[in-house]
């Protein structure tokens, strides 16, 4: 935990932005009944019954000291999905940063090996050279 706290105490540096990453699986639902619109003195009314409509994974990247946040919904949360999100982070969101300091949990997909599984070795190495990964403790919360 001390490692992550040290990272959070670093001063703002645009060349080395500290970005926190998390992902959350979500259930997609669909209304089974059309909600009734609001009327004077009556709020909108809707039935709590729903139909399951699949799942998705929400990836969120947050740079607290710069007030930046990006969110992406993906169909899955595999190693390839994480690797693609990291590539987008480095190449599109922070293209001029020398190195992005990424704080993320210890999920089995959040590993450098994911980059090598997804991209050719030269591309994986290029991405890793611009990435400094810090994992939160297994039973910690950031």
N, C-alpha and C. Protein backbone atom coordinates (compact mmCIF):
# COMPACT_ATOMS: atom_id res chain seq x y z
N UNK A 1 0.83 -1.20 0.00
CA UNK A 1 0.00 0.00 0.00
C UNK A 1 0.87 1.25 0.00
N UNK A 2 2.04 1.16 0.67
CA UNK A 2 2.92 2.33 0.73
C UNK A 2 3.35 2.78 -0.66
N UNK A 3 3.56 1.81 -1.56
CA UNK A 3 3.97 2.14 -2.92
C UNK A 3 2.89 2.99 -3.60
N UNK A 4 1.65 2.56 -3.50
CA UNK A 4 0.55 3.29 -4.14
C UNK A 4 0.38 4.67 -3.51
N UNK A 5 0.49 4.76 -2.19
CA UNK A 5 0.37 6.06 -1.52
C UNK A 5 1.48 7.01 -1.96
N UNK A 6 2.68 6.48 -2.15
CA UNK A 6 3.79 7.31 -2.64
C UNK A 6 3.49 7.85 -4.03
N UNK A 7 2.92 7.01 -4.86
CA UNK A 7 2.57 7.43 -6.22
C UNK A 7 1.54 8.56 -6.16
N UNK A 8 0.55 8.43 -5.28
CA UNK A 8 -0.49 9.45 -5.16
C UNK A 8 0.05 10.78 -4.65
N UNK A 9 1.15 10.75 -3.94
CA UNK A 9 1.73 11.99 -3.41
C UNK A 9 2.68 12.69 -4.38
N UNK A 10 2.93 12.10 -5.51
CA UNK A 10 3.80 12.74 -6.50
C UNK A 10 3.15 14.05 -6.97
N UNK A 11 3.97 15.07 -7.20
CA UNK A 11 3.40 16.31 -7.74
C UNK A 11 2.94 16.11 -9.18
N UNK A 12 2.04 16.96 -9.62
CA UNK A 12 1.54 16.88 -10.98
C UNK A 12 2.68 17.07 -11.96
N UNK A 13 2.74 16.21 -12.95
CA UNK A 13 3.76 16.30 -14.00
C UNK A 13 3.13 15.79 -15.29
N UNK A 14 2.94 16.69 -16.26
CA UNK A 14 2.30 16.32 -17.52
C UNK A 14 3.11 15.28 -18.29
N UNK A 15 4.43 15.22 -18.06
CA UNK A 15 5.26 14.23 -18.74
C UNK A 15 5.11 12.84 -18.13
N UNK A 16 4.67 12.78 -16.87
CA UNK A 16 4.50 11.52 -16.16
C UNK A 16 3.15 11.51 -15.42
N UNK A 17 2.04 11.56 -16.17
CA UNK A 17 0.74 11.63 -15.51
C UNK A 17 0.42 10.36 -14.72
N UNK A 18 -0.15 10.55 -13.54
CA UNK A 18 -0.60 9.43 -12.72
C UNK A 18 -2.07 9.19 -13.07
N UNK A 19 -2.35 8.00 -13.59
CA UNK A 19 -3.69 7.64 -14.05
C UNK A 19 -4.15 6.40 -13.30
N UNK A 20 -5.32 6.49 -12.69
CA UNK A 20 -5.91 5.35 -11.99
C UNK A 20 -6.87 4.65 -12.94
N UNK A 21 -6.84 3.33 -12.92
CA UNK A 21 -7.67 2.55 -13.83
C UNK A 21 -8.47 1.52 -13.04
N UNK A 22 -9.73 1.37 -13.41
CA UNK A 22 -10.54 0.32 -12.83
C UNK A 22 -11.53 -0.14 -13.87
N UNK A 23 -12.02 -1.34 -13.71
CA UNK A 23 -13.04 -1.85 -14.60
C UNK A 23 -14.12 -2.52 -13.77
N UNK A 24 -15.32 -2.49 -14.31
CA UNK A 24 -16.47 -3.00 -13.58
C UNK A 24 -17.38 -3.75 -14.54
N UNK A 25 -17.68 -5.00 -14.23
CA UNK A 25 -18.68 -5.68 -15.06
C UNK A 25 -20.08 -5.16 -14.71
N UNK A 26 -20.91 -5.01 -15.71
CA UNK A 26 -22.27 -4.54 -15.48
C UNK A 26 -23.25 -5.44 -16.23
N UNK A 27 -24.43 -5.55 -15.67
CA UNK A 27 -25.51 -6.29 -16.32
C UNK A 27 -26.35 -5.30 -17.11
N UNK A 28 -26.63 -5.62 -18.33
CA UNK A 28 -27.46 -4.77 -19.17
C UNK A 28 -28.90 -5.25 -19.06
N UNK A 29 -29.80 -4.31 -18.84
CA UNK A 29 -31.21 -4.67 -18.68
C UNK A 29 -32.08 -3.88 -19.64
N UNK A 30 -33.27 -4.39 -19.86
CA UNK A 30 -34.23 -3.77 -20.75
C UNK A 30 -35.57 -3.70 -20.02
N UNK A 31 -36.28 -2.60 -20.20
CA UNK A 31 -37.62 -2.45 -19.61
C UNK A 31 -38.56 -3.47 -20.25
N UNK A 32 -39.44 -4.06 -19.46
CA UNK A 32 -40.44 -4.98 -20.02
C UNK A 32 -41.79 -4.28 -20.18
N UNK A 33 -41.98 -3.15 -19.50
CA UNK A 33 -43.21 -2.36 -19.61
C UNK A 33 -42.83 -0.92 -19.90
N UNK A 34 -43.61 -0.25 -20.70
CA UNK A 34 -43.35 1.15 -21.02
C UNK A 34 -43.66 2.01 -19.79
N UNK A 35 -42.69 2.83 -19.33
CA UNK A 35 -42.95 3.69 -18.18
C UNK A 35 -44.09 4.68 -18.47
N UNK A 36 -44.82 5.03 -17.44
CA UNK A 36 -45.88 6.03 -17.57
C UNK A 36 -45.26 7.40 -17.35
N UNK A 37 -45.51 8.36 -18.22
CA UNK A 37 -44.88 9.69 -18.09
C UNK A 37 -45.40 10.42 -16.84
N UNK A 38 -44.61 11.38 -16.38
CA UNK A 38 -45.07 12.15 -15.21
C UNK A 38 -46.30 12.98 -15.55
N UNK A 39 -47.11 13.21 -14.55
CA UNK A 39 -48.30 14.05 -14.67
C UNK A 39 -48.26 15.04 -13.52
N UNK A 40 -49.04 16.10 -13.60
CA UNK A 40 -49.05 17.07 -12.49
C UNK A 40 -49.32 16.36 -11.16
N UNK A 41 -48.41 16.52 -10.23
CA UNK A 41 -48.55 15.91 -8.91
C UNK A 41 -48.19 14.43 -8.87
N UNK A 42 -47.70 13.88 -9.97
CA UNK A 42 -47.39 12.44 -10.05
C UNK A 42 -46.06 12.26 -10.79
N UNK A 43 -45.06 11.64 -10.15
CA UNK A 43 -43.79 11.41 -10.85
C UNK A 43 -43.94 10.32 -11.91
N UNK A 44 -42.91 10.18 -12.72
CA UNK A 44 -42.90 9.10 -13.70
C UNK A 44 -43.05 7.77 -12.96
N UNK A 45 -43.80 6.86 -13.52
CA UNK A 45 -44.00 5.55 -12.91
C UNK A 45 -43.47 4.47 -13.85
N UNK A 46 -42.78 3.52 -13.25
CA UNK A 46 -42.24 2.42 -14.05
C UNK A 46 -42.25 1.15 -13.22
N UNK A 47 -42.27 0.04 -13.92
CA UNK A 47 -42.28 -1.27 -13.27
C UNK A 47 -40.84 -1.67 -12.97
N UNK A 48 -40.63 -2.33 -11.86
CA UNK A 48 -39.28 -2.77 -11.50
C UNK A 48 -38.88 -4.07 -12.18
N UNK A 49 -39.80 -4.66 -12.92
CA UNK A 49 -39.48 -5.88 -13.66
C UNK A 49 -38.62 -5.50 -14.86
N UNK A 50 -37.63 -6.33 -15.16
CA UNK A 50 -36.76 -6.07 -16.29
C UNK A 50 -36.39 -7.38 -16.96
N UNK A 51 -35.80 -7.25 -18.13
CA UNK A 51 -35.31 -8.41 -18.88
C UNK A 51 -33.80 -8.27 -19.00
N UNK A 52 -33.09 -9.33 -18.69
CA UNK A 52 -31.64 -9.30 -18.82
C UNK A 52 -31.28 -9.20 -20.30
N UNK A 53 -30.30 -8.33 -20.59
CA UNK A 53 -29.95 -8.06 -21.98
C UNK A 53 -28.44 -8.16 -22.19
N UNK A 54 -27.80 -9.10 -21.50
CA UNK A 54 -26.37 -9.31 -21.66
C UNK A 54 -25.55 -8.61 -20.59
N UNK A 55 -24.25 -8.58 -20.81
CA UNK A 55 -23.33 -7.93 -19.88
C UNK A 55 -22.34 -7.07 -20.68
N UNK A 56 -21.64 -6.23 -19.96
CA UNK A 56 -20.60 -5.40 -20.55
C UNK A 56 -19.54 -5.15 -19.47
N UNK A 57 -18.45 -4.58 -19.86
CA UNK A 57 -17.40 -4.20 -18.92
C UNK A 57 -17.09 -2.73 -19.14
N UNK A 58 -17.11 -1.99 -18.06
CA UNK A 58 -16.82 -0.56 -18.10
C UNK A 58 -15.37 -0.34 -17.67
N UNK A 59 -14.57 0.27 -18.53
CA UNK A 59 -13.19 0.63 -18.20
C UNK A 59 -13.16 2.13 -17.90
N UNK A 60 -12.59 2.50 -16.76
CA UNK A 60 -12.48 3.91 -16.41
C UNK A 60 -11.03 4.25 -16.11
N UNK A 61 -10.57 5.34 -16.72
CA UNK A 61 -9.25 5.88 -16.45
C UNK A 61 -9.45 7.28 -15.89
N UNK A 62 -8.80 7.56 -14.77
CA UNK A 62 -9.00 8.81 -14.06
C UNK A 62 -7.64 9.42 -13.71
N UNK A 63 -7.44 10.67 -14.07
CA UNK A 63 -6.23 11.39 -13.68
C UNK A 63 -6.67 12.48 -12.71
N UNK A 64 -6.71 12.18 -11.41
CA UNK A 64 -7.29 13.10 -10.42
C UNK A 64 -6.64 14.48 -10.39
N UNK A 65 -5.34 14.57 -10.49
CA UNK A 65 -4.67 15.87 -10.36
C UNK A 65 -4.86 16.77 -11.57
N UNK A 66 -5.35 16.22 -12.66
CA UNK A 66 -5.63 17.03 -13.85
C UNK A 66 -7.13 17.14 -14.09
N UNK A 67 -7.93 16.42 -13.29
CA UNK A 67 -9.37 16.47 -13.48
C UNK A 67 -9.83 15.81 -14.77
N UNK A 68 -9.12 14.80 -15.23
CA UNK A 68 -9.47 14.10 -16.46
C UNK A 68 -10.04 12.72 -16.15
N UNK A 69 -11.01 12.31 -16.96
CA UNK A 69 -11.60 10.97 -16.81
C UNK A 69 -12.07 10.50 -18.18
N UNK A 70 -11.79 9.25 -18.49
CA UNK A 70 -12.33 8.66 -19.71
C UNK A 70 -12.98 7.33 -19.34
N UNK A 71 -14.07 7.05 -20.00
CA UNK A 71 -14.83 5.82 -19.74
C UNK A 71 -15.10 5.14 -21.06
N UNK A 72 -14.99 3.83 -21.06
CA UNK A 72 -15.24 3.05 -22.27
C UNK A 72 -16.01 1.79 -21.91
N UNK A 73 -17.05 1.49 -22.64
CA UNK A 73 -17.80 0.26 -22.44
C UNK A 73 -17.36 -0.76 -23.48
N UNK A 74 -17.05 -1.94 -23.02
CA UNK A 74 -16.61 -3.01 -23.91
C UNK A 74 -17.48 -4.24 -23.68
N UNK A 75 -17.51 -5.10 -24.66
CA UNK A 75 -18.32 -6.31 -24.55
C UNK A 75 -17.72 -7.30 -23.56
N UNK A 76 -16.39 -7.33 -23.46
CA UNK A 76 -15.71 -8.30 -22.60
C UNK A 76 -14.70 -7.59 -21.70
N UNK A 77 -14.04 -8.36 -20.86
CA UNK A 77 -12.93 -7.82 -20.07
C UNK A 77 -11.79 -8.84 -20.04
N UNK A 78 -11.29 -9.14 -21.20
CA UNK A 78 -10.21 -10.10 -21.35
C UNK A 78 -8.87 -9.37 -21.34
N UNK A 79 -7.80 -10.15 -21.40
CA UNK A 79 -6.46 -9.56 -21.50
C UNK A 79 -6.35 -8.67 -22.74
N UNK A 80 -6.94 -9.13 -23.84
CA UNK A 80 -6.88 -8.35 -25.09
C UNK A 80 -7.62 -7.02 -24.93
N UNK A 81 -8.76 -7.04 -24.25
CA UNK A 81 -9.51 -5.80 -24.03
C UNK A 81 -8.68 -4.82 -23.21
N UNK A 82 -8.05 -5.31 -22.14
CA UNK A 82 -7.22 -4.45 -21.31
C UNK A 82 -6.05 -3.89 -22.12
N UNK A 83 -5.41 -4.73 -22.90
CA UNK A 83 -4.27 -4.29 -23.71
C UNK A 83 -4.69 -3.22 -24.71
N UNK A 84 -5.83 -3.39 -25.34
CA UNK A 84 -6.33 -2.38 -26.29
C UNK A 84 -6.62 -1.06 -25.56
N UNK A 85 -7.17 -1.14 -24.36
CA UNK A 85 -7.46 0.07 -23.58
C UNK A 85 -6.16 0.79 -23.22
N UNK A 86 -5.13 0.04 -22.86
CA UNK A 86 -3.83 0.65 -22.52
C UNK A 86 -3.22 1.31 -23.75
N UNK A 87 -3.31 0.65 -24.89
CA UNK A 87 -2.79 1.24 -26.13
C UNK A 87 -3.50 2.55 -26.44
N UNK A 88 -4.82 2.57 -26.31
CA UNK A 88 -5.59 3.80 -26.54
C UNK A 88 -5.16 4.88 -25.54
N UNK A 89 -5.00 4.48 -24.30
CA UNK A 89 -4.57 5.43 -23.27
C UNK A 89 -3.24 6.08 -23.65
N UNK A 90 -2.28 5.28 -24.03
CA UNK A 90 -0.94 5.79 -24.34
C UNK A 90 -0.89 6.57 -25.65
N UNK A 91 -1.49 6.02 -26.69
CA UNK A 91 -1.35 6.60 -28.03
C UNK A 91 -2.34 7.72 -28.34
N UNK A 92 -3.52 7.68 -27.71
CA UNK A 92 -4.54 8.68 -28.04
C UNK A 92 -4.80 9.68 -26.91
N UNK A 93 -4.81 9.22 -25.68
CA UNK A 93 -5.12 10.12 -24.56
C UNK A 93 -3.88 10.85 -24.04
N UNK A 94 -2.73 10.18 -24.05
CA UNK A 94 -1.49 10.78 -23.54
C UNK A 94 -0.34 10.58 -24.53
N UNK A 95 -0.50 11.02 -25.77
CA UNK A 95 0.54 10.75 -26.77
C UNK A 95 1.86 11.48 -26.51
N UNK A 96 1.81 12.60 -25.80
CA UNK A 96 3.06 13.35 -25.57
C UNK A 96 3.69 13.05 -24.22
N UNK A 97 3.05 12.24 -23.40
CA UNK A 97 3.63 11.89 -22.10
C UNK A 97 4.83 10.98 -22.31
N UNK A 98 5.88 11.22 -21.54
CA UNK A 98 7.06 10.36 -21.64
C UNK A 98 6.74 8.97 -21.10
N UNK A 99 6.00 8.94 -19.98
CA UNK A 99 5.62 7.68 -19.37
C UNK A 99 4.34 7.91 -18.60
N UNK A 100 3.38 7.01 -18.72
CA UNK A 100 2.14 7.09 -17.96
C UNK A 100 2.28 6.17 -16.75
N UNK A 101 2.03 6.74 -15.56
CA UNK A 101 2.08 5.99 -14.32
C UNK A 101 0.67 5.45 -14.08
N UNK A 102 0.50 4.14 -14.26
CA UNK A 102 -0.82 3.53 -14.20
C UNK A 102 -1.00 2.79 -12.88
N UNK A 103 -2.02 3.18 -12.13
CA UNK A 103 -2.37 2.50 -10.88
C UNK A 103 -3.62 1.68 -11.17
N UNK A 104 -3.52 0.37 -10.97
CA UNK A 104 -4.66 -0.50 -11.23
C UNK A 104 -4.66 -1.66 -10.24
N UNK A 105 -5.77 -2.39 -10.19
CA UNK A 105 -5.83 -3.51 -9.27
C UNK A 105 -5.05 -4.69 -9.83
N UNK A 106 -4.99 -5.73 -9.05
CA UNK A 106 -4.15 -6.88 -9.35
C UNK A 106 -4.88 -7.96 -10.13
N UNK A 107 -5.84 -7.59 -10.94
CA UNK A 107 -6.59 -8.57 -11.71
C UNK A 107 -5.65 -9.32 -12.66
N UNK A 108 -5.95 -10.58 -12.91
CA UNK A 108 -5.03 -11.39 -13.72
C UNK A 108 -4.89 -10.89 -15.15
N UNK A 109 -5.79 -10.03 -15.62
CA UNK A 109 -5.66 -9.50 -16.98
C UNK A 109 -4.80 -8.23 -17.04
N UNK A 110 -4.49 -7.63 -15.91
CA UNK A 110 -3.75 -6.36 -15.86
C UNK A 110 -2.25 -6.62 -15.73
N UNK A 111 -1.69 -7.28 -16.69
CA UNK A 111 -0.29 -7.67 -16.66
C UNK A 111 0.40 -7.31 -17.97
N UNK A 112 1.71 -7.07 -17.93
CA UNK A 112 2.44 -6.83 -19.18
C UNK A 112 2.27 -7.95 -20.20
N UNK A 113 2.09 -9.17 -19.73
CA UNK A 113 1.91 -10.30 -20.65
C UNK A 113 0.71 -10.08 -21.57
N UNK A 114 -0.29 -9.33 -21.11
CA UNK A 114 -1.47 -9.06 -21.94
C UNK A 114 -1.07 -8.30 -23.20
N UNK A 115 -0.10 -7.40 -23.07
CA UNK A 115 0.35 -6.64 -24.24
C UNK A 115 1.04 -7.55 -25.25
N UNK A 116 1.84 -8.50 -24.73
CA UNK A 116 2.53 -9.43 -25.62
C UNK A 116 1.56 -10.43 -26.25
N UNK A 117 0.50 -10.76 -25.54
CA UNK A 117 -0.50 -11.68 -26.09
C UNK A 117 -1.30 -11.00 -27.21
N UNK A 118 -1.48 -9.69 -27.10
CA UNK A 118 -2.34 -8.94 -28.02
C UNK A 118 -1.60 -8.36 -29.21
N UNK A 119 -0.37 -7.89 -29.00
CA UNK A 119 0.37 -7.18 -30.05
C UNK A 119 1.66 -7.90 -30.40
N UNK A 120 2.24 -7.57 -31.55
CA UNK A 120 3.57 -8.11 -31.87
C UNK A 120 4.58 -7.66 -30.81
N UNK A 121 5.64 -8.41 -30.60
CA UNK A 121 6.60 -8.10 -29.53
C UNK A 121 7.14 -6.67 -29.57
N UNK A 122 7.41 -6.13 -30.76
CA UNK A 122 7.96 -4.78 -30.85
C UNK A 122 6.95 -3.75 -30.34
N UNK A 123 5.69 -3.95 -30.69
CA UNK A 123 4.64 -3.03 -30.25
C UNK A 123 4.40 -3.16 -28.75
N UNK A 124 4.39 -4.38 -28.25
CA UNK A 124 4.21 -4.58 -26.80
C UNK A 124 5.34 -3.91 -26.03
N UNK A 125 6.56 -4.05 -26.50
CA UNK A 125 7.72 -3.44 -25.84
C UNK A 125 7.63 -1.92 -25.89
N UNK A 126 7.21 -1.38 -27.03
CA UNK A 126 7.06 0.07 -27.16
C UNK A 126 6.06 0.60 -26.14
N UNK A 127 4.94 -0.09 -26.01
CA UNK A 127 3.93 0.33 -25.04
C UNK A 127 4.44 0.22 -23.61
N UNK A 128 5.09 -0.89 -23.30
CA UNK A 128 5.61 -1.07 -21.94
C UNK A 128 6.67 -0.04 -21.57
N UNK A 129 7.44 0.41 -22.54
CA UNK A 129 8.46 1.43 -22.27
C UNK A 129 7.83 2.77 -21.89
N UNK A 130 6.56 2.96 -22.20
CA UNK A 130 5.87 4.21 -21.86
C UNK A 130 4.92 4.03 -20.67
N UNK A 131 5.06 2.90 -19.98
CA UNK A 131 4.12 2.56 -18.92
C UNK A 131 4.87 2.20 -17.64
N UNK A 132 4.41 2.76 -16.53
CA UNK A 132 4.91 2.40 -15.20
C UNK A 132 3.70 1.91 -14.42
N UNK A 133 3.63 0.59 -14.19
CA UNK A 133 2.45 0.00 -13.55
C UNK A 133 2.67 -0.16 -12.05
N UNK A 134 1.67 0.27 -11.29
CA UNK A 134 1.64 0.05 -9.84
C UNK A 134 0.32 -0.61 -9.52
N UNK A 135 0.38 -1.76 -8.84
CA UNK A 135 -0.84 -2.48 -8.49
C UNK A 135 -1.26 -2.14 -7.06
N UNK A 136 -2.57 -1.99 -6.88
CA UNK A 136 -3.09 -1.79 -5.52
C UNK A 136 -2.99 -3.14 -4.80
N UNK A 137 -2.94 -3.10 -3.46
CA UNK A 137 -2.89 -4.36 -2.72
C UNK A 137 -4.13 -5.21 -2.99
N UNK A 138 -3.97 -6.51 -2.87
CA UNK A 138 -5.06 -7.42 -3.18
C UNK A 138 -6.33 -7.12 -2.39
N UNK A 139 -6.20 -6.81 -1.13
CA UNK A 139 -7.38 -6.51 -0.30
C UNK A 139 -7.43 -5.05 0.09
N UNK A 140 -6.83 -4.19 -0.72
CA UNK A 140 -6.87 -2.76 -0.46
C UNK A 140 -7.87 -2.09 -1.38
N UNK A 141 -8.13 -0.86 -1.11
CA UNK A 141 -9.05 -0.10 -1.94
C UNK A 141 -8.43 1.25 -2.21
N UNK A 142 -8.49 1.69 -3.45
CA UNK A 142 -7.96 3.03 -3.76
C UNK A 142 -9.11 3.93 -4.08
